[in-house]
N, C-alpha and C. Protein backbone atom coordinates (compact mmCIF):
# COMPACT_ATOMS: atom_id res chain seq x y z
N UNK A 1 0.84 -1.19 0.00
CA UNK A 1 0.00 0.00 0.00
C UNK A 1 0.88 1.25 0.00
N UNK A 2 0.67 2.14 -0.93
CA UNK A 2 1.44 3.38 -0.93
C UNK A 2 1.06 4.24 0.28
N UNK A 3 2.00 5.03 0.74
CA UNK A 3 1.76 5.87 1.91
C UNK A 3 0.76 6.99 1.64
N UNK A 4 0.43 7.28 0.38
CA UNK A 4 -0.56 8.33 0.14
C UNK A 4 -1.97 7.87 0.50
N UNK A 5 -2.13 6.62 0.91
CA UNK A 5 -3.42 6.10 1.39
C UNK A 5 -3.41 5.95 2.91
N UNK A 6 -2.43 6.51 3.57
CA UNK A 6 -2.25 6.36 5.01
C UNK A 6 -3.40 6.99 5.76
N UNK A 7 -3.77 6.37 6.88
CA UNK A 7 -4.91 6.84 7.66
C UNK A 7 -4.54 6.97 9.14
N UNK A 8 -5.28 7.82 9.82
CA UNK A 8 -5.11 7.99 11.25
C UNK A 8 -5.32 6.65 11.95
N UNK A 9 -4.54 6.40 13.00
CA UNK A 9 -4.56 5.18 13.81
C UNK A 9 -3.97 3.95 13.11
N UNK A 10 -3.47 4.13 11.91
CA UNK A 10 -2.80 3.03 11.20
C UNK A 10 -1.44 2.78 11.85
N UNK A 11 -1.04 1.52 11.94
CA UNK A 11 0.29 1.19 12.43
C UNK A 11 1.24 1.10 11.25
N UNK A 12 2.36 1.79 11.37
CA UNK A 12 3.43 1.71 10.38
C UNK A 12 4.70 1.33 11.14
N UNK A 13 5.78 1.08 10.42
CA UNK A 13 6.99 0.59 11.05
C UNK A 13 8.20 1.37 10.56
N UNK A 14 9.07 1.71 11.50
CA UNK A 14 10.31 2.41 11.17
C UNK A 14 11.49 1.54 11.57
N UNK A 15 12.58 1.68 10.82
CA UNK A 15 13.82 0.98 11.14
C UNK A 15 14.90 2.05 11.32
N UNK A 16 15.55 2.04 12.48
CA UNK A 16 16.60 3.02 12.75
C UNK A 16 17.88 2.65 12.02
N UNK A 17 18.85 3.55 12.06
CA UNK A 17 20.13 3.27 11.42
C UNK A 17 20.92 2.18 12.15
N UNK A 18 20.48 1.81 13.35
CA UNK A 18 21.07 0.67 14.07
C UNK A 18 20.22 -0.59 13.88
N UNK A 19 19.29 -0.54 12.93
CA UNK A 19 18.41 -1.66 12.58
C UNK A 19 17.50 -2.09 13.73
N UNK A 20 17.00 -1.13 14.47
CA UNK A 20 16.01 -1.38 15.50
C UNK A 20 14.64 -1.12 14.89
N UNK A 21 13.74 -2.09 15.02
CA UNK A 21 12.38 -1.99 14.47
C UNK A 21 11.48 -1.28 15.48
N UNK A 22 10.76 -0.26 15.00
CA UNK A 22 9.88 0.51 15.87
C UNK A 22 8.48 0.60 15.26
N UNK A 23 7.47 0.01 15.93
CA UNK A 23 6.10 0.22 15.48
C UNK A 23 5.65 1.63 15.85
N UNK A 24 5.02 2.30 14.91
CA UNK A 24 4.51 3.65 15.13
C UNK A 24 3.03 3.68 14.80
N UNK A 25 2.31 4.58 15.43
CA UNK A 25 0.89 4.76 15.15
C UNK A 25 0.70 6.15 14.57
N UNK A 26 -0.02 6.24 13.47
CA UNK A 26 -0.30 7.53 12.84
C UNK A 26 -1.31 8.27 13.72
N UNK A 27 -0.92 9.44 14.20
CA UNK A 27 -1.82 10.22 15.06
C UNK A 27 -2.52 11.35 14.31
N UNK A 28 -1.96 11.75 13.16
CA UNK A 28 -2.59 12.81 12.37
C UNK A 28 -2.09 12.75 10.93
N UNK A 29 -2.98 13.03 10.01
CA UNK A 29 -2.62 13.14 8.59
C UNK A 29 -3.13 14.48 8.10
N UNK A 30 -2.22 15.34 7.69
CA UNK A 30 -2.56 16.67 7.18
C UNK A 30 -2.34 16.67 5.68
N UNK A 31 -3.40 16.96 4.92
CA UNK A 31 -3.26 16.93 3.45
C UNK A 31 -3.16 18.31 2.82
N UNK A 32 -3.01 19.33 3.64
CA UNK A 32 -2.86 20.69 3.12
C UNK A 32 -1.53 21.25 3.62
N UNK A 33 -0.45 20.81 2.98
CA UNK A 33 0.89 21.21 3.41
C UNK A 33 1.30 22.43 2.60
N UNK A 34 1.52 23.54 3.29
CA UNK A 34 1.87 24.79 2.63
C UNK A 34 3.15 24.64 1.81
N UNK A 35 3.06 25.02 0.54
CA UNK A 35 4.21 24.98 -0.35
C UNK A 35 4.52 23.62 -0.93
N UNK A 36 3.77 22.61 -0.54
CA UNK A 36 4.00 21.25 -1.05
C UNK A 36 2.68 20.65 -1.54
N UNK A 37 2.25 21.10 -2.68
CA UNK A 37 0.97 20.66 -3.22
C UNK A 37 0.95 19.15 -3.45
N UNK A 38 -0.08 18.51 -2.93
CA UNK A 38 -0.25 17.07 -3.11
C UNK A 38 0.47 16.22 -2.07
N UNK A 39 1.28 16.84 -1.24
CA UNK A 39 2.02 16.11 -0.21
C UNK A 39 1.14 15.92 1.03
N UNK A 40 1.49 14.94 1.85
CA UNK A 40 0.85 14.73 3.14
C UNK A 40 1.87 14.95 4.24
N UNK A 41 1.43 15.52 5.34
CA UNK A 41 2.26 15.60 6.54
C UNK A 41 1.67 14.63 7.55
N UNK A 42 2.46 13.65 7.93
CA UNK A 42 1.99 12.60 8.83
C UNK A 42 2.70 12.74 10.17
N UNK A 43 1.91 12.79 11.23
CA UNK A 43 2.46 12.82 12.58
C UNK A 43 2.27 11.44 13.19
N UNK A 44 3.32 10.92 13.82
CA UNK A 44 3.23 9.59 14.43
C UNK A 44 3.52 9.67 15.92
N UNK A 45 3.14 8.62 16.61
CA UNK A 45 3.51 8.45 18.01
C UNK A 45 4.00 7.02 18.17
N UNK A 46 4.73 6.79 19.24
CA UNK A 46 5.20 5.44 19.52
C UNK A 46 3.99 4.58 19.88
N UNK A 47 4.05 3.30 19.52
CA UNK A 47 2.95 2.41 19.88
C UNK A 47 2.92 2.26 21.40
N UNK A 48 1.90 1.62 21.90
CA UNK A 48 1.75 1.48 23.35
C UNK A 48 2.77 0.53 23.98
N UNK A 49 3.54 -0.17 23.16
CA UNK A 49 4.55 -1.08 23.69
C UNK A 49 5.62 -0.27 24.44
N UNK A 50 6.31 -0.95 25.38
CA UNK A 50 7.40 -0.27 26.09
C UNK A 50 8.47 0.13 25.08
N UNK A 51 8.98 1.33 25.24
CA UNK A 51 10.01 1.81 24.32
C UNK A 51 11.26 2.19 25.10
N UNK A 52 12.38 1.98 24.48
CA UNK A 52 13.65 2.35 25.10
C UNK A 52 13.91 3.84 24.89
N UNK A 53 14.86 4.33 25.61
CA UNK A 53 15.27 5.73 25.44
C UNK A 53 15.79 5.95 24.02
N UNK A 54 16.52 4.96 23.52
CA UNK A 54 17.04 5.00 22.15
C UNK A 54 15.90 5.15 21.14
N UNK A 55 14.87 4.33 21.28
CA UNK A 55 13.74 4.40 20.36
C UNK A 55 13.02 5.74 20.48
N UNK A 56 12.82 6.20 21.69
CA UNK A 56 12.14 7.47 21.90
C UNK A 56 12.91 8.62 21.26
N UNK A 57 14.22 8.61 21.42
CA UNK A 57 15.05 9.66 20.82
C UNK A 57 14.99 9.62 19.31
N UNK A 58 15.07 8.42 18.73
CA UNK A 58 14.99 8.30 17.27
C UNK A 58 13.62 8.73 16.76
N UNK A 59 12.58 8.38 17.50
CA UNK A 59 11.25 8.79 17.08
C UNK A 59 11.15 10.31 17.02
N UNK A 60 11.59 10.98 18.08
CA UNK A 60 11.52 12.43 18.12
C UNK A 60 12.35 13.07 17.01
N UNK A 61 13.53 12.54 16.77
CA UNK A 61 14.44 13.15 15.80
C UNK A 61 14.07 12.85 14.35
N UNK A 62 13.57 11.66 14.07
CA UNK A 62 13.44 11.24 12.67
C UNK A 62 12.04 10.82 12.23
N UNK A 63 11.21 10.32 13.12
CA UNK A 63 9.98 9.68 12.68
C UNK A 63 8.69 10.30 13.21
N UNK A 64 8.78 11.35 14.04
CA UNK A 64 7.56 11.96 14.57
C UNK A 64 6.76 12.64 13.47
N UNK A 65 7.46 13.34 12.58
CA UNK A 65 6.81 13.99 11.43
C UNK A 65 7.39 13.40 10.16
N UNK A 66 6.52 12.94 9.30
CA UNK A 66 6.93 12.40 8.00
C UNK A 66 6.20 13.16 6.91
N UNK A 67 6.85 13.34 5.79
CA UNK A 67 6.21 13.95 4.64
C UNK A 67 6.11 12.90 3.55
N UNK A 68 4.92 12.79 2.98
CA UNK A 68 4.65 11.79 1.95
C UNK A 68 4.46 12.51 0.63
N UNK A 69 5.27 12.12 -0.35
CA UNK A 69 5.18 12.71 -1.68
C UNK A 69 3.88 12.30 -2.36
N UNK A 70 3.45 13.04 -3.38
CA UNK A 70 2.19 12.70 -4.06
C UNK A 70 2.15 11.27 -4.61
N UNK A 71 3.31 10.69 -4.94
CA UNK A 71 3.32 9.31 -5.45
C UNK A 71 3.28 8.27 -4.34
N UNK A 72 3.21 8.72 -3.08
CA UNK A 72 3.12 7.79 -1.95
C UNK A 72 4.45 7.44 -1.32
N UNK A 73 5.54 8.06 -1.79
CA UNK A 73 6.86 7.78 -1.25
C UNK A 73 7.11 8.59 0.02
N UNK A 74 7.63 7.93 1.04
CA UNK A 74 7.98 8.62 2.28
C UNK A 74 9.25 9.44 2.08
N UNK A 75 9.28 10.61 2.68
CA UNK A 75 10.47 11.45 2.61
C UNK A 75 11.60 10.89 3.48
N UNK A 76 11.30 9.95 4.30
CA UNK A 76 12.29 9.37 5.23
C UNK A 76 12.50 7.90 4.88
N UNK A 77 13.74 7.52 4.64
CA UNK A 77 14.06 6.11 4.40
C UNK A 77 13.82 5.33 5.68
N UNK A 78 13.54 4.05 5.54
CA UNK A 78 13.37 3.20 6.70
C UNK A 78 11.98 3.23 7.30
N UNK A 79 10.99 3.69 6.54
CA UNK A 79 9.60 3.72 7.02
C UNK A 79 8.78 2.83 6.10
N UNK A 80 7.97 1.95 6.70
CA UNK A 80 7.24 0.94 5.93
C UNK A 80 5.82 0.79 6.44
N UNK A 81 4.95 0.34 5.54
CA UNK A 81 3.55 0.14 5.93
C UNK A 81 3.29 -1.26 6.46
N UNK A 82 4.28 -2.15 6.38
CA UNK A 82 4.09 -3.50 6.93
C UNK A 82 5.31 -3.91 7.75
N UNK A 83 5.06 -4.71 8.76
CA UNK A 83 6.15 -5.20 9.61
C UNK A 83 7.11 -6.05 8.79
N UNK A 84 6.57 -6.88 7.91
CA UNK A 84 7.42 -7.77 7.10
C UNK A 84 8.37 -6.96 6.22
N UNK A 85 7.89 -5.90 5.60
CA UNK A 85 8.76 -5.06 4.76
C UNK A 85 9.86 -4.41 5.60
N UNK A 86 9.51 -3.98 6.81
CA UNK A 86 10.51 -3.37 7.69
C UNK A 86 11.57 -4.39 8.10
N UNK A 87 11.13 -5.60 8.41
CA UNK A 87 12.07 -6.66 8.79
C UNK A 87 13.00 -6.99 7.63
N UNK A 88 12.45 -7.10 6.42
CA UNK A 88 13.28 -7.39 5.24
C UNK A 88 14.32 -6.30 5.02
N UNK A 89 13.93 -5.05 5.19
CA UNK A 89 14.86 -3.93 5.05
C UNK A 89 15.98 -4.03 6.08
N UNK A 90 15.63 -4.30 7.34
CA UNK A 90 16.63 -4.41 8.39
C UNK A 90 17.55 -5.60 8.13
N UNK A 91 16.99 -6.71 7.68
CA UNK A 91 17.82 -7.89 7.37
C UNK A 91 18.81 -7.59 6.25
N UNK A 92 18.36 -6.91 5.21
CA UNK A 92 19.26 -6.55 4.11
C UNK A 92 20.36 -5.61 4.60
N UNK A 93 20.01 -4.68 5.45
CA UNK A 93 21.00 -3.75 5.99
C UNK A 93 22.02 -4.49 6.85
N UNK A 94 21.55 -5.41 7.68
CA UNK A 94 22.45 -6.20 8.52
C UNK A 94 23.35 -7.07 7.65
N UNK A 95 22.78 -7.71 6.62
CA UNK A 95 23.58 -8.53 5.71
C UNK A 95 24.67 -7.70 5.04
N UNK A 96 24.34 -6.49 4.63
CA UNK A 96 25.32 -5.61 4.01
C UNK A 96 26.44 -5.27 4.99
N UNK A 97 26.06 -4.98 6.21
CA UNK A 97 27.06 -4.67 7.23
C UNK A 97 27.95 -5.88 7.52
N UNK A 98 27.35 -7.08 7.54
CA UNK A 98 28.14 -8.30 7.75
C UNK A 98 29.14 -8.52 6.62
N UNK A 99 28.71 -8.28 5.38
CA UNK A 99 29.63 -8.42 4.24
C UNK A 99 30.79 -7.44 4.36
N UNK A 100 30.49 -6.23 4.75
CA UNK A 100 31.53 -5.22 4.94
C UNK A 100 32.51 -5.65 6.03
N UNK A 101 31.98 -6.13 7.15
CA UNK A 101 32.84 -6.57 8.25
C UNK A 101 33.68 -7.78 7.85
N UNK A 102 33.08 -8.71 7.10
CA UNK A 102 33.82 -9.88 6.63
C UNK A 102 34.98 -9.44 5.74
N UNK A 103 34.73 -8.51 4.86
CA UNK A 103 35.78 -7.99 3.98
C UNK A 103 36.88 -7.32 4.80
N UNK A 104 36.48 -6.56 5.78
CA UNK A 104 37.45 -5.89 6.64
C UNK A 104 38.30 -6.90 7.42
N UNK A 105 37.65 -7.96 7.92
CA UNK A 105 38.38 -9.01 8.64
C UNK A 105 39.40 -9.70 7.74
N UNK A 106 39.00 -9.98 6.50
CA UNK A 106 39.91 -10.62 5.55
C UNK A 106 41.11 -9.71 5.26
N UNK A 107 40.86 -8.43 5.12
CA UNK A 107 41.95 -7.48 4.87
C UNK A 107 42.90 -7.42 6.06
N UNK A 108 42.36 -7.44 7.26
CA UNK A 108 43.20 -7.41 8.45
C UNK A 108 44.01 -8.69 8.61
N UNK A 109 43.41 -9.82 8.29
CA UNK A 109 44.15 -11.10 8.34
C UNK A 109 45.30 -11.10 7.34
N UNK A 110 45.04 -10.57 6.15
CA UNK A 110 46.09 -10.50 5.13
C UNK A 110 47.21 -9.57 5.58
N UNK A 111 46.85 -8.47 6.19
CA UNK A 111 47.85 -7.52 6.69
C UNK A 111 48.70 -8.17 7.79
N UNK A 112 48.04 -8.90 8.68
CA UNK A 112 48.75 -9.60 9.75
C UNK A 112 49.71 -10.64 9.17
N UNK A 113 49.28 -11.38 8.16
CA UNK A 113 50.13 -12.40 7.54
C UNK A 113 51.37 -11.77 6.89
N UNK A 114 51.20 -10.59 6.31
CA UNK A 114 52.34 -9.91 5.67
C UNK A 114 53.38 -9.46 6.69
N UNK A 115 52.97 -9.21 7.92
CA UNK A 115 53.91 -8.78 8.95
C UNK A 115 55.04 -9.79 9.14
N UNK A 116 54.75 -11.06 8.99
CA UNK A 116 55.75 -12.12 9.18
C UNK A 116 56.70 -12.22 7.99
N UNK A 117 56.31 -11.65 6.88
CA UNK A 117 57.11 -11.77 5.65
C UNK A 117 57.92 -10.52 5.33
N UNK A 118 58.02 -9.62 6.25
CA UNK A 118 58.77 -8.38 6.00
C UNK A 118 60.25 -8.62 6.19
């Protein structure tokens, strides 16, 4: 579902840059955004689940207000209309980070091996 069909009280999901999944509830949808014809301004709140200080800080800084383009695209990366899509995004991000770390480990092992051959 594109975000331009978003409704009040709908649950959406955000993924932080540390790959923490956060359920959010839409508390307001404003369709008259000054200077942004066709855009939506969406205000969210944390779901009723217990939230950490980390999640609360990220919500305030990045996910409390979202702007939705006329084509339904969120102005903020890491925001999804389904839990499954958010999980897939976080998994891909973690996999990418693991590949990077594996490459870094291999480079460090090679560097260590060269130390003995100097």
